[in-house]
Structures are given as structure tokens and as C-alpha cells.
């Protein structure tokens, strides 16, 4: 009883002292509960059921997870493998490119023009972008890349970039990297502009002599919050790849060479209407991104 009374007194004190702050937080809290927490909990529940949309969910326990990890060869041989390869390469690479470009642009005149040029692809529809890249990587001799390579004599016949198993995933990676200058890139640019100039002047007095030393000893330590946000966004985006892969390689892609976890989820959820199984895939994807996000927070959080 003493513990309950103490807890109740703490709540009353917090409400008395901070009730205005809580009222301002209420709209966001409600939206967060309705559109984030509730869908996550619903997906977690549906992952333990058989649900085909037409009938009420039927509890089947761990059957979906057993099917996913034991019997679904396409998931762990193609979707999981391709997603990890994609994330391991494009996640860090896109993160480094975003920071490097933001650092260069921050030192240039007319930075707004360069920012717009690099940011625009990330907000352009994947369907519109696929039209350009499908022409570039077209499988016949009229494709721009095939035409150029044949003109300079590097190849003698067209390469089926979007039909061969060995080239589909690299093409998706190239397009995704080109479209990766999104929110993280803008956050990096904003963070670079907020670094006080006095720190660079103090660094010169303390012995810093070049721009690379400025980045490692001043810029990166000051920008830890922005670097953390960019890392989390890079993890989420690399594991959530789907739209551009489906537009370029199709769904399913030839021999599942461009199949990803989200594509697998979409296949079962919105084509086969096995929502319970799709929810299990969504839960696995959520846990992967959550764990990696926590790792990023441990690396970039301020101590």
C-alpha cells in the first residue's frame, strides 16, 4: 500500500507541476498511440493467427514463424539474404556519401541549389525514377548503357541487366544510392551549419591544420545527434527497400534475385492475402530494424 500511495503522490505532483506540458503533448501522444503503437500491437497479434481478410483471425500460435524460418526457402535464401546484402552495402555507403556531400556543399556558394539537386531524387516517385533507369539499363542494344559499352567495344552483345541474376541486385543498389540523399542528408547539412565557427578557430589554435582533422576532432563530435538520426534513417531505409526494386526487377524478380523482405511481405499480404503470415514477416523486420537502431544509438549517443 505504501508503494501505491507513493506512486499516486508522484503522479499528482507531476500533474500539478507539469500539466500544461502534458496537455501540449496530448495531441502527439494520441496520434502516436493510434498510428504507431496500435498497428505494431495489431501486427504482433495477427502474426500468431491465420487471417485471410475474409474470415476472422484464427489463433495458430507459432505456426507462422515456424513456416517462415523452417519451411519458407524463398524467405531465408532470397529475401533475407538479398536484404542483408543490400543493407550492408547501401546502408553504410549511402550514409557516408550523404555526410560527405553535405560537408562539401556546406563549403560552397549557392548551397541551396546544390541541396535541391541532390535532394530531389529522394522525393520523386519510384515509378517516375524507374522510367529513367529502365531506359539506362534496358536489356537490348537500345539501352543507353548497352549502347555506350558496345560503341567503345567493351561488350559485343547487349547485357540483360534486369534479367540476369548476377546483375539485378547491383542495379537496384545503384539506383537506391542515387535516391538516398533524403532526410538524413538534409539533417547533416543543417547540423554542419550549426557547428559554431569559434570551435574551428579554437581548433586551429590547438594544432588542427587541415579540413580532415576538423571533421574528425570537431565536426563529428559536435554532430552526434544528427549522425544518430542519419544512422537510424539509413538502417530503416536500407531494410525497407521495395518500391524501386519492384519497379525495376518486377515482382517477383527473375529467380528472386531482387526479392527483399518487404517484397516478400507485400507478396503474401496484398497478393495472396495471407495477412497473418505477412504480419509475422513484418514483426521480424521490425525486430531487425529495432535492434540495429539500438546499436546505432549506442554508437552515436553522447556519453
C-alpha atoms as a PDB file:
ATOM      1  CA  UNK A   1       0.000   0.000   0.000  1.00  0.00           C
ATOM      2  CA  UNK A   2       2.833   2.404   0.781  1.00  0.00           C
ATOM      3  CA  UNK A   3       4.244   1.838  -2.699  1.00  0.00           C
ATOM      4  CA  UNK A   4       0.885   2.588  -4.339  1.00  0.00           C
ATOM      5  CA  UNK A   5       0.387   5.702  -2.230  1.00  0.00           C
ATOM      6  CA  UNK A   6       3.876   6.924  -3.122  1.00  0.00           C
ATOM      7  CA  UNK A   7       3.215   6.290  -6.819  1.00  0.00           C
ATOM      8  CA  UNK A   8      -0.107   8.125  -6.668  1.00  0.00           C
ATOM      9  CA  UNK A   9       1.519  11.085  -4.917  1.00  0.00           C
ATOM     10  CA  UNK A  10       4.220  11.211  -7.586  1.00  0.00           C
ATOM     11  CA  UNK A  11       1.573  11.272 -10.337  1.00  0.00           C
ATOM     12  CA  UNK A  12      -0.375  14.019  -8.598  1.00  0.00           C
ATOM     13  CA  UNK A  13       2.777  16.083  -8.102  1.00  0.00           C
ATOM     14  CA  UNK A  14       3.824  15.641 -11.742  1.00  0.00           C
ATOM     15  CA  UNK A  15       0.352  16.623 -12.974  1.00  0.00           C
ATOM     16  CA  UNK A  16       0.242  19.663 -10.691  1.00  0.00           C
ATOM     17  CA  UNK A  17       3.658  20.889 -11.761  1.00  0.00           C
ATOM     18  CA  UNK A  18       3.693  19.942 -15.448  1.00  0.00           C
ATOM     19  CA  UNK A  19       0.037  19.662 -16.514  1.00  0.00           C
ATOM     20  CA  UNK A  20       0.441  22.374 -19.173  1.00  0.00           C
ATOM     21  CA  UNK A  21       3.301  20.451 -20.776  1.00  0.00           C
ATOM     22  CA  UNK A  22       1.263  17.231 -20.704  1.00  0.00           C
ATOM     23  CA  UNK A  23      -1.659  18.972 -22.411  1.00  0.00           C
ATOM     24  CA  UNK A  24       0.634  20.174 -25.211  1.00  0.00           C
ATOM     25  CA  UNK A  25       1.963  16.619 -25.577  1.00  0.00           C
ATOM     26  CA  UNK A  26      -1.525  15.098 -25.693  1.00  0.00           C
ATOM     27  CA  UNK A  27      -2.231  15.516 -29.467  1.00  0.00           C
ATOM     28  CA  UNK A  28       1.081  13.914 -30.456  1.00  0.00           C
ATOM     29  CA  UNK A  29       0.644  11.170 -27.852  1.00  0.00           C
ATOM     30  CA  UNK A  30      -2.794  10.273 -29.172  1.00  0.00           C
ATOM     31  CA  UNK A  31      -1.612  10.208 -32.782  1.00  0.00           C
ATOM     32  CA  UNK A  32       1.422   8.149 -31.807  1.00  0.00           C
ATOM     33  CA  UNK A  33      -0.725   5.608 -29.965  1.00  0.00           C
ATOM     34  CA  UNK A  34      -3.275   5.334 -32.777  1.00  0.00           C
ATOM     35  CA  UNK A  35      -0.960   5.267 -35.803  1.00  0.00           C
ATOM     36  CA  UNK A  36       2.231   3.672 -34.384  1.00  0.00           C
ATOM     37  CA  UNK A  37       1.650   1.681 -31.205  1.00  0.00           C
ATOM     38  CA  UNK A  38      -1.742   0.251 -32.160  1.00  0.00           C
ATOM     39  CA  UNK A  39      -0.615  -1.010 -35.633  1.00  0.00           C
ATOM     40  CA  UNK A  40       2.514  -2.593 -34.122  1.00  0.00           C
ATOM     41  CA  UNK A  41       0.496  -4.405 -31.456  1.00  0.00           C
ATOM     42  CA  UNK A  42      -2.106  -5.446 -34.031  1.00  0.00           C
ATOM     43  CA  UNK A  43       0.578  -6.870 -36.323  1.00  0.00           C
ATOM     44  CA  UNK A  44       2.130  -8.730 -33.391  1.00  0.00           C
ATOM     45  CA  UNK A  45      -1.236 -10.297 -32.575  1.00  0.00           C
ATOM     46  CA  UNK A  46      -2.059 -11.160 -36.200  1.00  0.00           C
ATOM     47  CA  UNK A  47       1.343 -12.861 -36.583  1.00  0.00           C
ATOM     48  CA  UNK A  48       0.050 -15.619 -34.293  1.00  0.00           C
ATOM     49  CA  UNK A  49      -3.129 -16.126 -36.319  1.00  0.00           C
ATOM     50  CA  UNK A  50      -4.360 -17.326 -39.690  1.00  0.00           C
ATOM     51  CA  UNK A  51      -6.040 -14.317 -41.272  1.00  0.00           C
ATOM     52  CA  UNK A  52      -7.126 -14.174 -44.899  1.00  0.00           C
ATOM     53  CA  UNK A  53      -9.040 -10.856 -44.639  1.00  0.00           C
ATOM     54  CA  UNK A  54     -12.359 -12.550 -45.465  1.00  0.00           C
ATOM     55  CA  UNK A  55     -12.632 -14.525 -42.223  1.00  0.00           C
ATOM     56  CA  UNK A  56     -11.945 -13.528 -38.613  1.00  0.00           C
ATOM     57  CA  UNK A  57      -8.387 -14.201 -37.410  1.00  0.00           C
ATOM     58  CA  UNK A  58      -7.882 -17.748 -36.086  1.00  0.00           C
ATOM     59  CA  UNK A  59      -5.208 -18.364 -33.447  1.00  0.00           C
ATOM     60  CA  UNK A  60      -2.495 -20.790 -34.627  1.00  0.00           C
ATOM     61  CA  UNK A  61       0.351 -19.957 -32.240  1.00  0.00           C
ATOM     62  CA  UNK A  62       3.891 -20.049 -33.624  1.00  0.00           C
ATOM     63  CA  UNK A  63       2.944 -21.755 -36.894  1.00  0.00           C
ATOM     64  CA  UNK A  64       3.635 -18.657 -38.993  1.00  0.00           C
ATOM     65  CA  UNK A  65       7.118 -18.228 -37.503  1.00  0.00           C
ATOM     66  CA  UNK A  66       7.896 -21.923 -37.878  1.00  0.00           C
ATOM     67  CA  UNK A  67       6.828 -21.766 -41.514  1.00  0.00           C
ATOM     68  CA  UNK A  68       8.844 -18.583 -42.037  1.00  0.00           C
ATOM     69  CA  UNK A  69      12.152 -19.843 -40.650  1.00  0.00           C
ATOM     70  CA  UNK A  70      11.933 -23.574 -41.345  1.00  0.00           C
ATOM     71  CA  UNK A  71       9.877 -24.156 -44.489  1.00  0.00           C
ATOM     72  CA  UNK A  72       9.923 -20.896 -46.462  1.00  0.00           C
ATOM     73  CA  UNK A  73      13.059 -21.303 -48.589  1.00  0.00           C
ATOM     74  CA  UNK A  74      12.343 -18.126 -50.540  1.00  0.00           C
ATOM     75  CA  UNK A  75      12.437 -16.048 -47.355  1.00  0.00           C
ATOM     76  CA  UNK A  76      15.800 -17.019 -45.919  1.00  0.00           C
ATOM     77  CA  UNK A  77      17.538 -17.983 -49.177  1.00  0.00           C
ATOM     78  CA  UNK A  78      16.470 -14.940 -51.158  1.00  0.00           C
ATOM     79  CA  UNK A  79      14.503 -12.242 -49.275  1.00  0.00           C
ATOM     80  CA  UNK A  80      16.580 -12.250 -46.088  1.00  0.00           C
ATOM     81  CA  UNK A  81      19.867 -12.763 -47.907  1.00  0.00           C
ATOM     82  CA  UNK A  82      19.226 -10.047 -50.503  1.00  0.00           C
ATOM     83  CA  UNK A  83      18.027  -7.569 -47.885  1.00  0.00           C
ATOM     84  CA  UNK A  84      21.112  -8.070 -45.712  1.00  0.00           C
ATOM     85  CA  UNK A  85      23.461  -7.764 -48.687  1.00  0.00           C
ATOM     86  CA  UNK A  86      21.625  -4.627 -49.790  1.00  0.00           C
ATOM     87  CA  UNK A  87      21.644  -3.141 -46.261  1.00  0.00           C
ATOM     88  CA  UNK A  88      25.298  -3.955 -45.549  1.00  0.00           C
ATOM     89  CA  UNK A  89      26.425  -2.258 -48.778  1.00  0.00           C
ATOM     90  CA  UNK A  90      23.996   0.594 -49.373  1.00  0.00           C
ATOM     91  CA  UNK A  91      23.372   1.497 -45.713  1.00  0.00           C
ATOM     92  CA  UNK A  92      26.930   2.499 -44.728  1.00  0.00           C
ATOM     93  CA  UNK A  93      27.800   3.651 -48.256  1.00  0.00           C
ATOM     94  CA  UNK A  94      24.728   5.875 -48.547  1.00  0.00           C
ATOM     95  CA  UNK A  95      25.372   7.205 -45.041  1.00  0.00           C
ATOM     96  CA  UNK A  96      28.970   8.135 -45.865  1.00  0.00           C
ATOM     97  CA  UNK A  97      28.015   9.650 -49.224  1.00  0.00           C
ATOM     98  CA  UNK A  98      25.255  11.736 -47.612  1.00  0.00           C
ATOM     99  CA  UNK A  99      27.609  13.129 -44.975  1.00  0.00           C
ATOM    100  CA  UNK A 100      30.421  13.745 -47.474  1.00  0.00           C
ATOM    101  CA  UNK A 101      28.175  15.565 -49.943  1.00  0.00           C
ATOM    102  CA  UNK A 102      26.622  17.619 -47.149  1.00  0.00           C
ATOM    103  CA  UNK A 103      30.127  18.561 -45.955  1.00  0.00           C
ATOM    104  CA  UNK A 104      31.218  19.630 -49.454  1.00  0.00           C
ATOM    105  CA  UNK A 105      28.007  21.537 -50.185  1.00  0.00           C
ATOM    106  CA  UNK A 106      28.246  23.363 -46.858  1.00  0.00           C
ATOM    107  CA  UNK A 107      31.570  24.838 -48.005  1.00  0.00           C
ATOM    108  CA  UNK A 108      30.227  26.056 -51.378  1.00  0.00           C
ATOM    109  CA  UNK A 109      28.388  29.132 -52.517  1.00  0.00           C
ATOM    110  CA  UNK A 110      24.779  28.720 -53.703  1.00  0.00           C
ATOM    111  CA  UNK A 111      24.411  25.692 -51.434  1.00  0.00           C
ATOM    112  CA  UNK A 112      20.620  25.841 -51.761  1.00  0.00           C
ATOM    113  CA  UNK A 113      20.855  24.998 -55.476  1.00  0.00           C
ATOM    114  CA  UNK A 114      23.127  22.005 -54.865  1.00  0.00           C
ATOM    115  CA  UNK A 115      20.955  20.814 -51.993  1.00  0.00           C
ATOM    116  CA  UNK A 116      17.874  20.867 -54.196  1.00  0.00           C
ATOM    117  CA  UNK A 117      19.679  18.976 -56.960  1.00  0.00           C
ATOM    118  CA  UNK A 118      20.774  16.145 -54.653  1.00  0.00           C
ATOM    119  CA  UNK A 119      17.575  16.023 -52.582  1.00  0.00           C
ATOM    120  CA  UNK A 120      15.073  15.958 -55.462  1.00  0.00           C
ATOM    121  CA  UNK A 121      15.570  12.259 -56.447  1.00  0.00           C
ATOM    122  CA  UNK A 122      14.687  11.106 -52.917  1.00  0.00           C
ATOM    123  CA  UNK A 123      11.229  12.729 -53.075  1.00  0.00           C
ATOM    124  CA  UNK A 124      10.494  11.708 -56.656  1.00  0.00           C
ATOM    125  CA  UNK A 125       8.168   8.778 -57.231  1.00  0.00           C
ATOM    126  CA  UNK A 126       9.914   5.438 -57.677  1.00  0.00           C
ATOM    127  CA  UNK A 127       7.718   4.834 -60.724  1.00  0.00           C
ATOM    128  CA  UNK A 128       8.977   8.031 -62.376  1.00  0.00           C
ATOM    129  CA  UNK A 129      12.568   7.202 -61.478  1.00  0.00           C
ATOM    130  CA  UNK A 130      12.231   3.671 -62.834  1.00  0.00           C
ATOM    131  CA  UNK A 131      11.342   5.060 -66.272  1.00  0.00           C
ATOM    132  CA  UNK A 132      14.760   6.727 -66.470  1.00  0.00           C
ATOM    133  CA  UNK A 133      16.720   3.797 -65.087  1.00  0.00           C
ATOM    134  CA  UNK A 134      14.843   1.222 -67.176  1.00  0.00           C
ATOM    135  CA  UNK A 135      15.987   3.111 -70.262  1.00  0.00           C
ATOM    136  CA  UNK A 136      19.557   3.266 -68.938  1.00  0.00           C
ATOM    137  CA  UNK A 137      19.705  -0.458 -68.086  1.00  0.00           C
ATOM    138  CA  UNK A 138      17.449  -1.740 -70.889  1.00  0.00           C
ATOM    139  CA  UNK A 139      18.277  -5.309 -71.896  1.00  0.00           C
ATOM    140  CA  UNK A 140      18.546  -4.675 -75.649  1.00  0.00           C
ATOM    141  CA  UNK A 141      21.065  -2.730 -77.710  1.00  0.00           C
ATOM    142  CA  UNK A 142      18.909   0.394 -77.473  1.00  0.00           C
ATOM    143  CA  UNK A 143      19.507   0.668 -73.739  1.00  0.00           C
ATOM    144  CA  UNK A 144      21.807   3.600 -73.036  1.00  0.00           C
ATOM    145  CA  UNK A 145      24.402   1.634 -71.057  1.00  0.00           C
ATOM    146  CA  UNK A 146      24.497  -1.245 -73.542  1.00  0.00           C
ATOM    147  CA  UNK A 147      24.775   1.208 -76.432  1.00  0.00           C
ATOM    148  CA  UNK A 148      27.698   3.070 -74.865  1.00  0.00           C
ATOM    149  CA  UNK A 149      29.561  -0.111 -73.902  1.00  0.00           C
ATOM    150  CA  UNK A 150      29.109  -1.548 -77.401  1.00  0.00           C
ATOM    151  CA  UNK A 151      30.224   1.708 -79.017  1.00  0.00           C
ATOM    152  CA  UNK A 152      33.522   1.714 -77.126  1.00  0.00           C
ATOM    153  CA  UNK A 153      33.999  -2.010 -77.665  1.00  0.00           C
ATOM    154  CA  UNK A 154      33.773  -3.306 -74.104  1.00  0.00           C
ATOM    155  CA  UNK A 155      30.943  -5.710 -74.997  1.00  0.00           C
ATOM    156  CA  UNK A 156      29.916  -7.312 -78.272  1.00  0.00           C
ATOM    157  CA  UNK A 157      26.280  -8.079 -77.451  1.00  0.00           C
ATOM    158  CA  UNK A 158      23.700  -6.498 -75.117  1.00  0.00           C
ATOM    159  CA  UNK A 159      23.762  -7.452 -71.450  1.00  0.00           C
ATOM    160  CA  UNK A 160      20.395  -8.303 -69.864  1.00  0.00           C
ATOM    161  CA  UNK A 161      20.990  -6.149 -66.792  1.00  0.00           C
ATOM    162  CA  UNK A 162      17.473  -6.631 -65.439  1.00  0.00           C
ATOM    163  CA  UNK A 163      17.133 -10.330 -66.302  1.00  0.00           C
ATOM    164  CA  UNK A 164      20.395 -11.876 -65.164  1.00  0.00           C
ATOM    165  CA  UNK A 165      20.590 -12.980 -61.546  1.00  0.00           C
ATOM    166  CA  UNK A 166      24.088 -11.567 -61.045  1.00  0.00           C
ATOM    167  CA  UNK A 167      23.231  -8.001 -62.133  1.00  0.00           C
ATOM    168  CA  UNK A 168      19.730  -7.328 -60.780  1.00  0.00           C
ATOM    169  CA  UNK A 169      20.726  -6.596 -57.174  1.00  0.00           C
ATOM    170  CA  UNK A 170      23.703  -4.364 -58.103  1.00  0.00           C
ATOM    171  CA  UNK A 171      21.431  -2.307 -60.364  1.00  0.00           C
ATOM    172  CA  UNK A 172      18.924  -1.885 -57.521  1.00  0.00           C
ATOM    173  CA  UNK A 173      21.771  -0.796 -55.246  1.00  0.00           C
ATOM    174  CA  UNK A 174      22.978   1.819 -57.734  1.00  0.00           C
ATOM    175  CA  UNK A 175      19.506   3.311 -58.144  1.00  0.00           C
ATOM    176  CA  UNK A 176      18.881   3.266 -54.369  1.00  0.00           C
ATOM    177  CA  UNK A 177      22.172   5.043 -53.676  1.00  0.00           C
ATOM    178  CA  UNK A 178      21.253   7.698 -56.223  1.00  0.00           C
ATOM    179  CA  UNK A 179      17.956   8.213 -54.364  1.00  0.00           C
ATOM    180  CA  UNK A 180      19.467   8.034 -50.861  1.00  0.00           C
ATOM    181  CA  UNK A 181      20.119  11.765 -50.391  1.00  0.00           C
ATOM    182  CA  UNK A 182      16.951  12.254 -48.367  1.00  0.00           C
ATOM    183  CA  UNK A 183      16.095  13.422 -44.871  1.00  0.00           C
ATOM    184  CA  UNK A 184      19.415  12.282 -43.420  1.00  0.00           C
ATOM    185  CA  UNK A 185      21.266  14.373 -45.998  1.00  0.00           C
ATOM    186  CA  UNK A 186      19.273  17.481 -45.032  1.00  0.00           C
ATOM    187  CA  UNK A 187      19.849  16.822 -41.329  1.00  0.00           C
ATOM    188  CA  UNK A 188      23.591  16.516 -41.919  1.00  0.00           C
ATOM    189  CA  UNK A 189      23.604  19.793 -43.840  1.00  0.00           C
ATOM    190  CA  UNK A 190      21.647  21.551 -41.090  1.00  0.00           C
ATOM    191  CA  UNK A 191      23.978  20.127 -38.439  1.00  0.00           C
ATOM    192  CA  UNK A 192      27.056  21.317 -40.288  1.00  0.00           C
ATOM    193  CA  UNK A 193      25.657  24.834 -40.469  1.00  0.00           C
ATOM    194  CA  UNK A 194      25.053  24.831 -36.708  1.00  0.00           C
ATOM    195  CA  UNK A 195      28.646  23.985 -35.739  1.00  0.00           C
ATOM    196  CA  UNK A 196      29.996  27.175 -34.086  1.00  0.00           C
ATOM    197  CA  UNK A 197      32.824  28.800 -36.036  1.00  0.00           C
ATOM    198  CA  UNK A 198      34.560  29.539 -32.733  1.00  0.00           C
ATOM    199  CA  UNK A 199      35.275  25.815 -32.347  1.00  0.00           C
ATOM    200  CA  UNK A 200      37.187  25.738 -35.633  1.00  0.00           C
ATOM    201  CA  UNK A 201      39.156  28.805 -34.612  1.00  0.00           C
ATOM    202  CA  UNK A 202      39.961  27.221 -31.256  1.00  0.00           C
ATOM    203  CA  UNK A 203      40.981  24.038 -33.054  1.00  0.00           C
ATOM    204  CA  UNK A 204      43.455  25.945 -35.213  1.00  0.00           C
ATOM    205  CA  UNK A 205      44.993  27.388 -32.070  1.00  0.00           C
ATOM    206  CA  UNK A 206      45.244  23.878 -30.577  1.00  0.00           C
ATOM    207  CA  UNK A 207      47.057  22.463 -33.591  1.00  0.00           C
ATOM    208  CA  UNK A 208      44.434  21.408 -36.160  1.00  0.00           C
ATOM    209  CA  UNK A 209      45.912  22.131 -39.570  1.00  0.00           C
ATOM    210  CA  UNK A 210      43.588  20.673 -42.244  1.00  0.00           C
ATOM    211  CA  UNK A 211      39.931  20.053 -43.039  1.00  0.00           C
ATOM    212  CA  UNK A 212      40.136  16.304 -42.367  1.00  0.00           C
ATOM    213  CA  UNK A 213      41.299  16.918 -38.805  1.00  0.00           C
ATOM    214  CA  UNK A 214      38.476  19.420 -38.367  1.00  0.00           C
ATOM    215  CA  UNK A 215      35.950  16.756 -39.375  1.00  0.00           C
ATOM    216  CA  UNK A 216      37.275  14.084 -37.001  1.00  0.00           C
ATOM    217  CA  UNK A 217      38.078  16.244 -33.980  1.00  0.00           C
ATOM    218  CA  UNK A 218      35.378  18.937 -34.137  1.00  0.00           C
ATOM    219  CA  UNK A 219      32.562  18.301 -36.630  1.00  0.00           C
ATOM    220  CA  UNK A 220      31.757  14.658 -35.829  1.00  0.00           C
ATOM    221  CA  UNK A 221      31.762  15.066 -32.003  1.00  0.00           C
ATOM    222  CA  UNK A 222      29.504  18.128 -32.230  1.00  0.00           C
ATOM    223  CA  UNK A 223      27.125  16.461 -34.721  1.00  0.00           C
ATOM    224  CA  UNK A 224      26.461  13.260 -32.743  1.00  0.00           C
ATOM    225  CA  UNK A 225      22.648  13.840 -32.586  1.00  0.00           C
ATOM    226  CA  UNK A 226      22.448  14.403 -36.350  1.00  0.00           C
ATOM    227  CA  UNK A 227      24.721  11.425 -37.023  1.00  0.00           C
ATOM    228  CA  UNK A 228      22.487   9.242 -34.849  1.00  0.00           C
ATOM    229  CA  UNK A 229      19.372  10.348 -36.722  1.00  0.00           C
ATOM    230  CA  UNK A 230      21.062   9.739 -40.065  1.00  0.00           C
ATOM    231  CA  UNK A 231      22.212   6.278 -38.973  1.00  0.00           C
ATOM    232  CA  UNK A 232      18.717   5.262 -37.879  1.00  0.00           C
ATOM    233  CA  UNK A 233      17.215   6.569 -41.123  1.00  0.00           C
ATOM    234  CA  UNK A 234      19.856   4.716 -43.158  1.00  0.00           C
ATOM    235  CA  UNK A 235      19.048   1.462 -41.343  1.00  0.00           C
ATOM    236  CA  UNK A 236      15.305   1.846 -41.806  1.00  0.00           C
ATOM    237  CA  UNK A 237      15.586   2.813 -45.479  1.00  0.00           C
ATOM    238  CA  UNK A 238      18.026   0.028 -46.344  1.00  0.00           C
ATOM    239  CA  UNK A 239      15.820  -2.661 -44.788  1.00  0.00           C
ATOM    240  CA  UNK A 240      12.618  -1.170 -46.236  1.00  0.00           C
ATOM    241  CA  UNK A 241      13.703  -1.267 -49.876  1.00  0.00           C
ATOM    242  CA  UNK A 242      10.822  -2.334 -52.106  1.00  0.00           C
ATOM    243  CA  UNK A 243       9.361   0.246 -54.460  1.00  0.00           C
ATOM    244  CA  UNK A 244      12.299   0.806 -56.767  1.00  0.00           C
ATOM    245  CA  UNK A 245      13.201  -2.914 -56.689  1.00  0.00           C
ATOM    246  CA  UNK A 246       9.689  -3.921 -57.726  1.00  0.00           C
ATOM    247  CA  UNK A 247       9.545  -1.299 -60.484  1.00  0.00           C
ATOM    248  CA  UNK A 248      12.931  -2.232 -61.930  1.00  0.00           C
ATOM    249  CA  UNK A 249      13.088  -6.013 -61.491  1.00  0.00           C
ATOM    250  CA  UNK A 250       9.399  -6.858 -61.180  1.00  0.00           C
ATOM    251  CA  UNK A 251       7.519  -8.779 -58.505  1.00  0.00           C
ATOM    252  CA  UNK A 252       8.691 -11.440 -58.210  1.00  0.00           C
ATOM    253  CA  UNK A 253      12.036 -10.676 -59.832  1.00  0.00           C
ATOM    254  CA  UNK A 254      13.720 -13.280 -62.091  1.00  0.00           C
ATOM    255  CA  UNK A 255      14.875 -16.196 -59.888  1.00  0.00           C
ATOM    256  CA  UNK A 256      14.080 -13.929 -56.901  1.00  0.00           C
ATOM    257  CA  UNK A 257      17.383 -12.136 -57.482  1.00  0.00           C
ATOM    258  CA  UNK A 258      15.917  -8.791 -56.330  1.00  0.00           C
ATOM    259  CA  UNK A 259      13.483 -10.192 -53.764  1.00  0.00           C
ATOM    260  CA  UNK A 260      13.551  -8.394 -50.393  1.00  0.00           C
ATOM    261  CA  UNK A 261      11.805  -8.803 -47.045  1.00  0.00           C
ATOM    262  CA  UNK A 262       9.294  -6.063 -47.824  1.00  0.00           C
ATOM    263  CA  UNK A 263       8.631  -7.601 -51.250  1.00  0.00           C
ATOM    264  CA  UNK A 264       8.005 -10.943 -49.523  1.00  0.00           C
ATOM    265  CA  UNK A 265       5.647  -9.214 -47.100  1.00  0.00           C
ATOM    266  CA  UNK A 266       3.802  -7.491 -49.943  1.00  0.00           C
ATOM    267  CA  UNK A 267       3.530 -10.751 -51.863  1.00  0.00           C
ATOM    268  CA  UNK A 268       1.853 -12.609 -49.011  1.00  0.00           C
ATOM    269  CA  UNK A 269      -0.132  -9.701 -47.620  1.00  0.00           C
ATOM    270  CA  UNK A 270      -1.563  -8.000 -50.712  1.00  0.00           C
ATOM    271  CA  UNK A 271      -1.338 -10.613 -53.461  1.00  0.00           C
ATOM    272  CA  UNK A 272      -2.025 -13.893 -51.628  1.00  0.00           C
ATOM    273  CA  UNK A 273      -3.964 -12.186 -48.782  1.00  0.00           C
ATOM    274  CA  UNK A 274      -2.288 -14.280 -46.089  1.00  0.00           C
ATOM    275  CA  UNK A 275      -2.245 -11.407 -43.640  1.00  0.00           C
ATOM    276  CA  UNK A 276      -1.245 -13.478 -40.622  1.00  0.00           C
ATOM    277  CA  UNK A 277       1.884 -14.718 -42.344  1.00  0.00           C
ATOM    278  CA  UNK A 278       2.614 -11.225 -43.687  1.00  0.00           C
ATOM    279  CA  UNK A 279       2.282  -9.874 -40.132  1.00  0.00           C
ATOM    280  CA  UNK A 280       4.912 -12.399 -38.968  1.00  0.00           C
ATOM    281  CA  UNK A 281       7.273 -11.116 -41.662  1.00  0.00           C
ATOM    282  CA  UNK A 282       6.532  -7.539 -40.552  1.00  0.00           C
ATOM    283  CA  UNK A 283       7.330  -8.401 -36.924  1.00  0.00           C
ATOM    284  CA  UNK A 284      10.669  -9.954 -37.930  1.00  0.00           C
ATOM    285  CA  UNK A 285      11.505  -6.847 -39.984  1.00  0.00           C
ATOM    286  CA  UNK A 286      10.512  -4.599 -37.083  1.00  0.00           C
ATOM    287  CA  UNK A 287      12.754  -6.501 -34.662  1.00  0.00           C
ATOM    288  CA  UNK A 288      15.701  -6.341 -37.075  1.00  0.00           C
ATOM    289  CA  UNK A 289      15.446  -2.587 -37.541  1.00  0.00           C
ATOM    290  CA  UNK A 290      14.799  -2.045 -33.817  1.00  0.00           C
ATOM    291  CA  UNK A 291      17.888  -3.981 -32.730  1.00  0.00           C
ATOM    292  CA  UNK A 292      20.112  -2.285 -35.310  1.00  0.00           C
ATOM    293  CA  UNK A 293      18.656   1.088 -34.327  1.00  0.00           C
ATOM    294  CA  UNK A 294      19.597   0.419 -30.707  1.00  0.00           C
ATOM    295  CA  UNK A 295      23.117  -0.458 -31.818  1.00  0.00           C
ATOM    296  CA  UNK A 296      23.324   2.849 -33.701  1.00  0.00           C
ATOM    297  CA  UNK A 297      22.121   4.681 -30.597  1.00  0.00           C
ATOM    298  CA  UNK A 298      24.845   3.051 -28.501  1.00  0.00           C
ATOM    299  CA  UNK A 299      27.476   4.104 -31.044  1.00  0.00           C
ATOM    300  CA  UNK A 300      26.396   7.701 -31.631  1.00  0.00           C
ATOM    301  CA  UNK A 301      24.695   8.642 -28.362  1.00  0.00           C
ATOM    302  CA  UNK A 302      26.503  11.185 -26.228  1.00  0.00           C
ATOM    303  CA  UNK A 303      28.174   9.755 -23.152  1.00  0.00           C
END
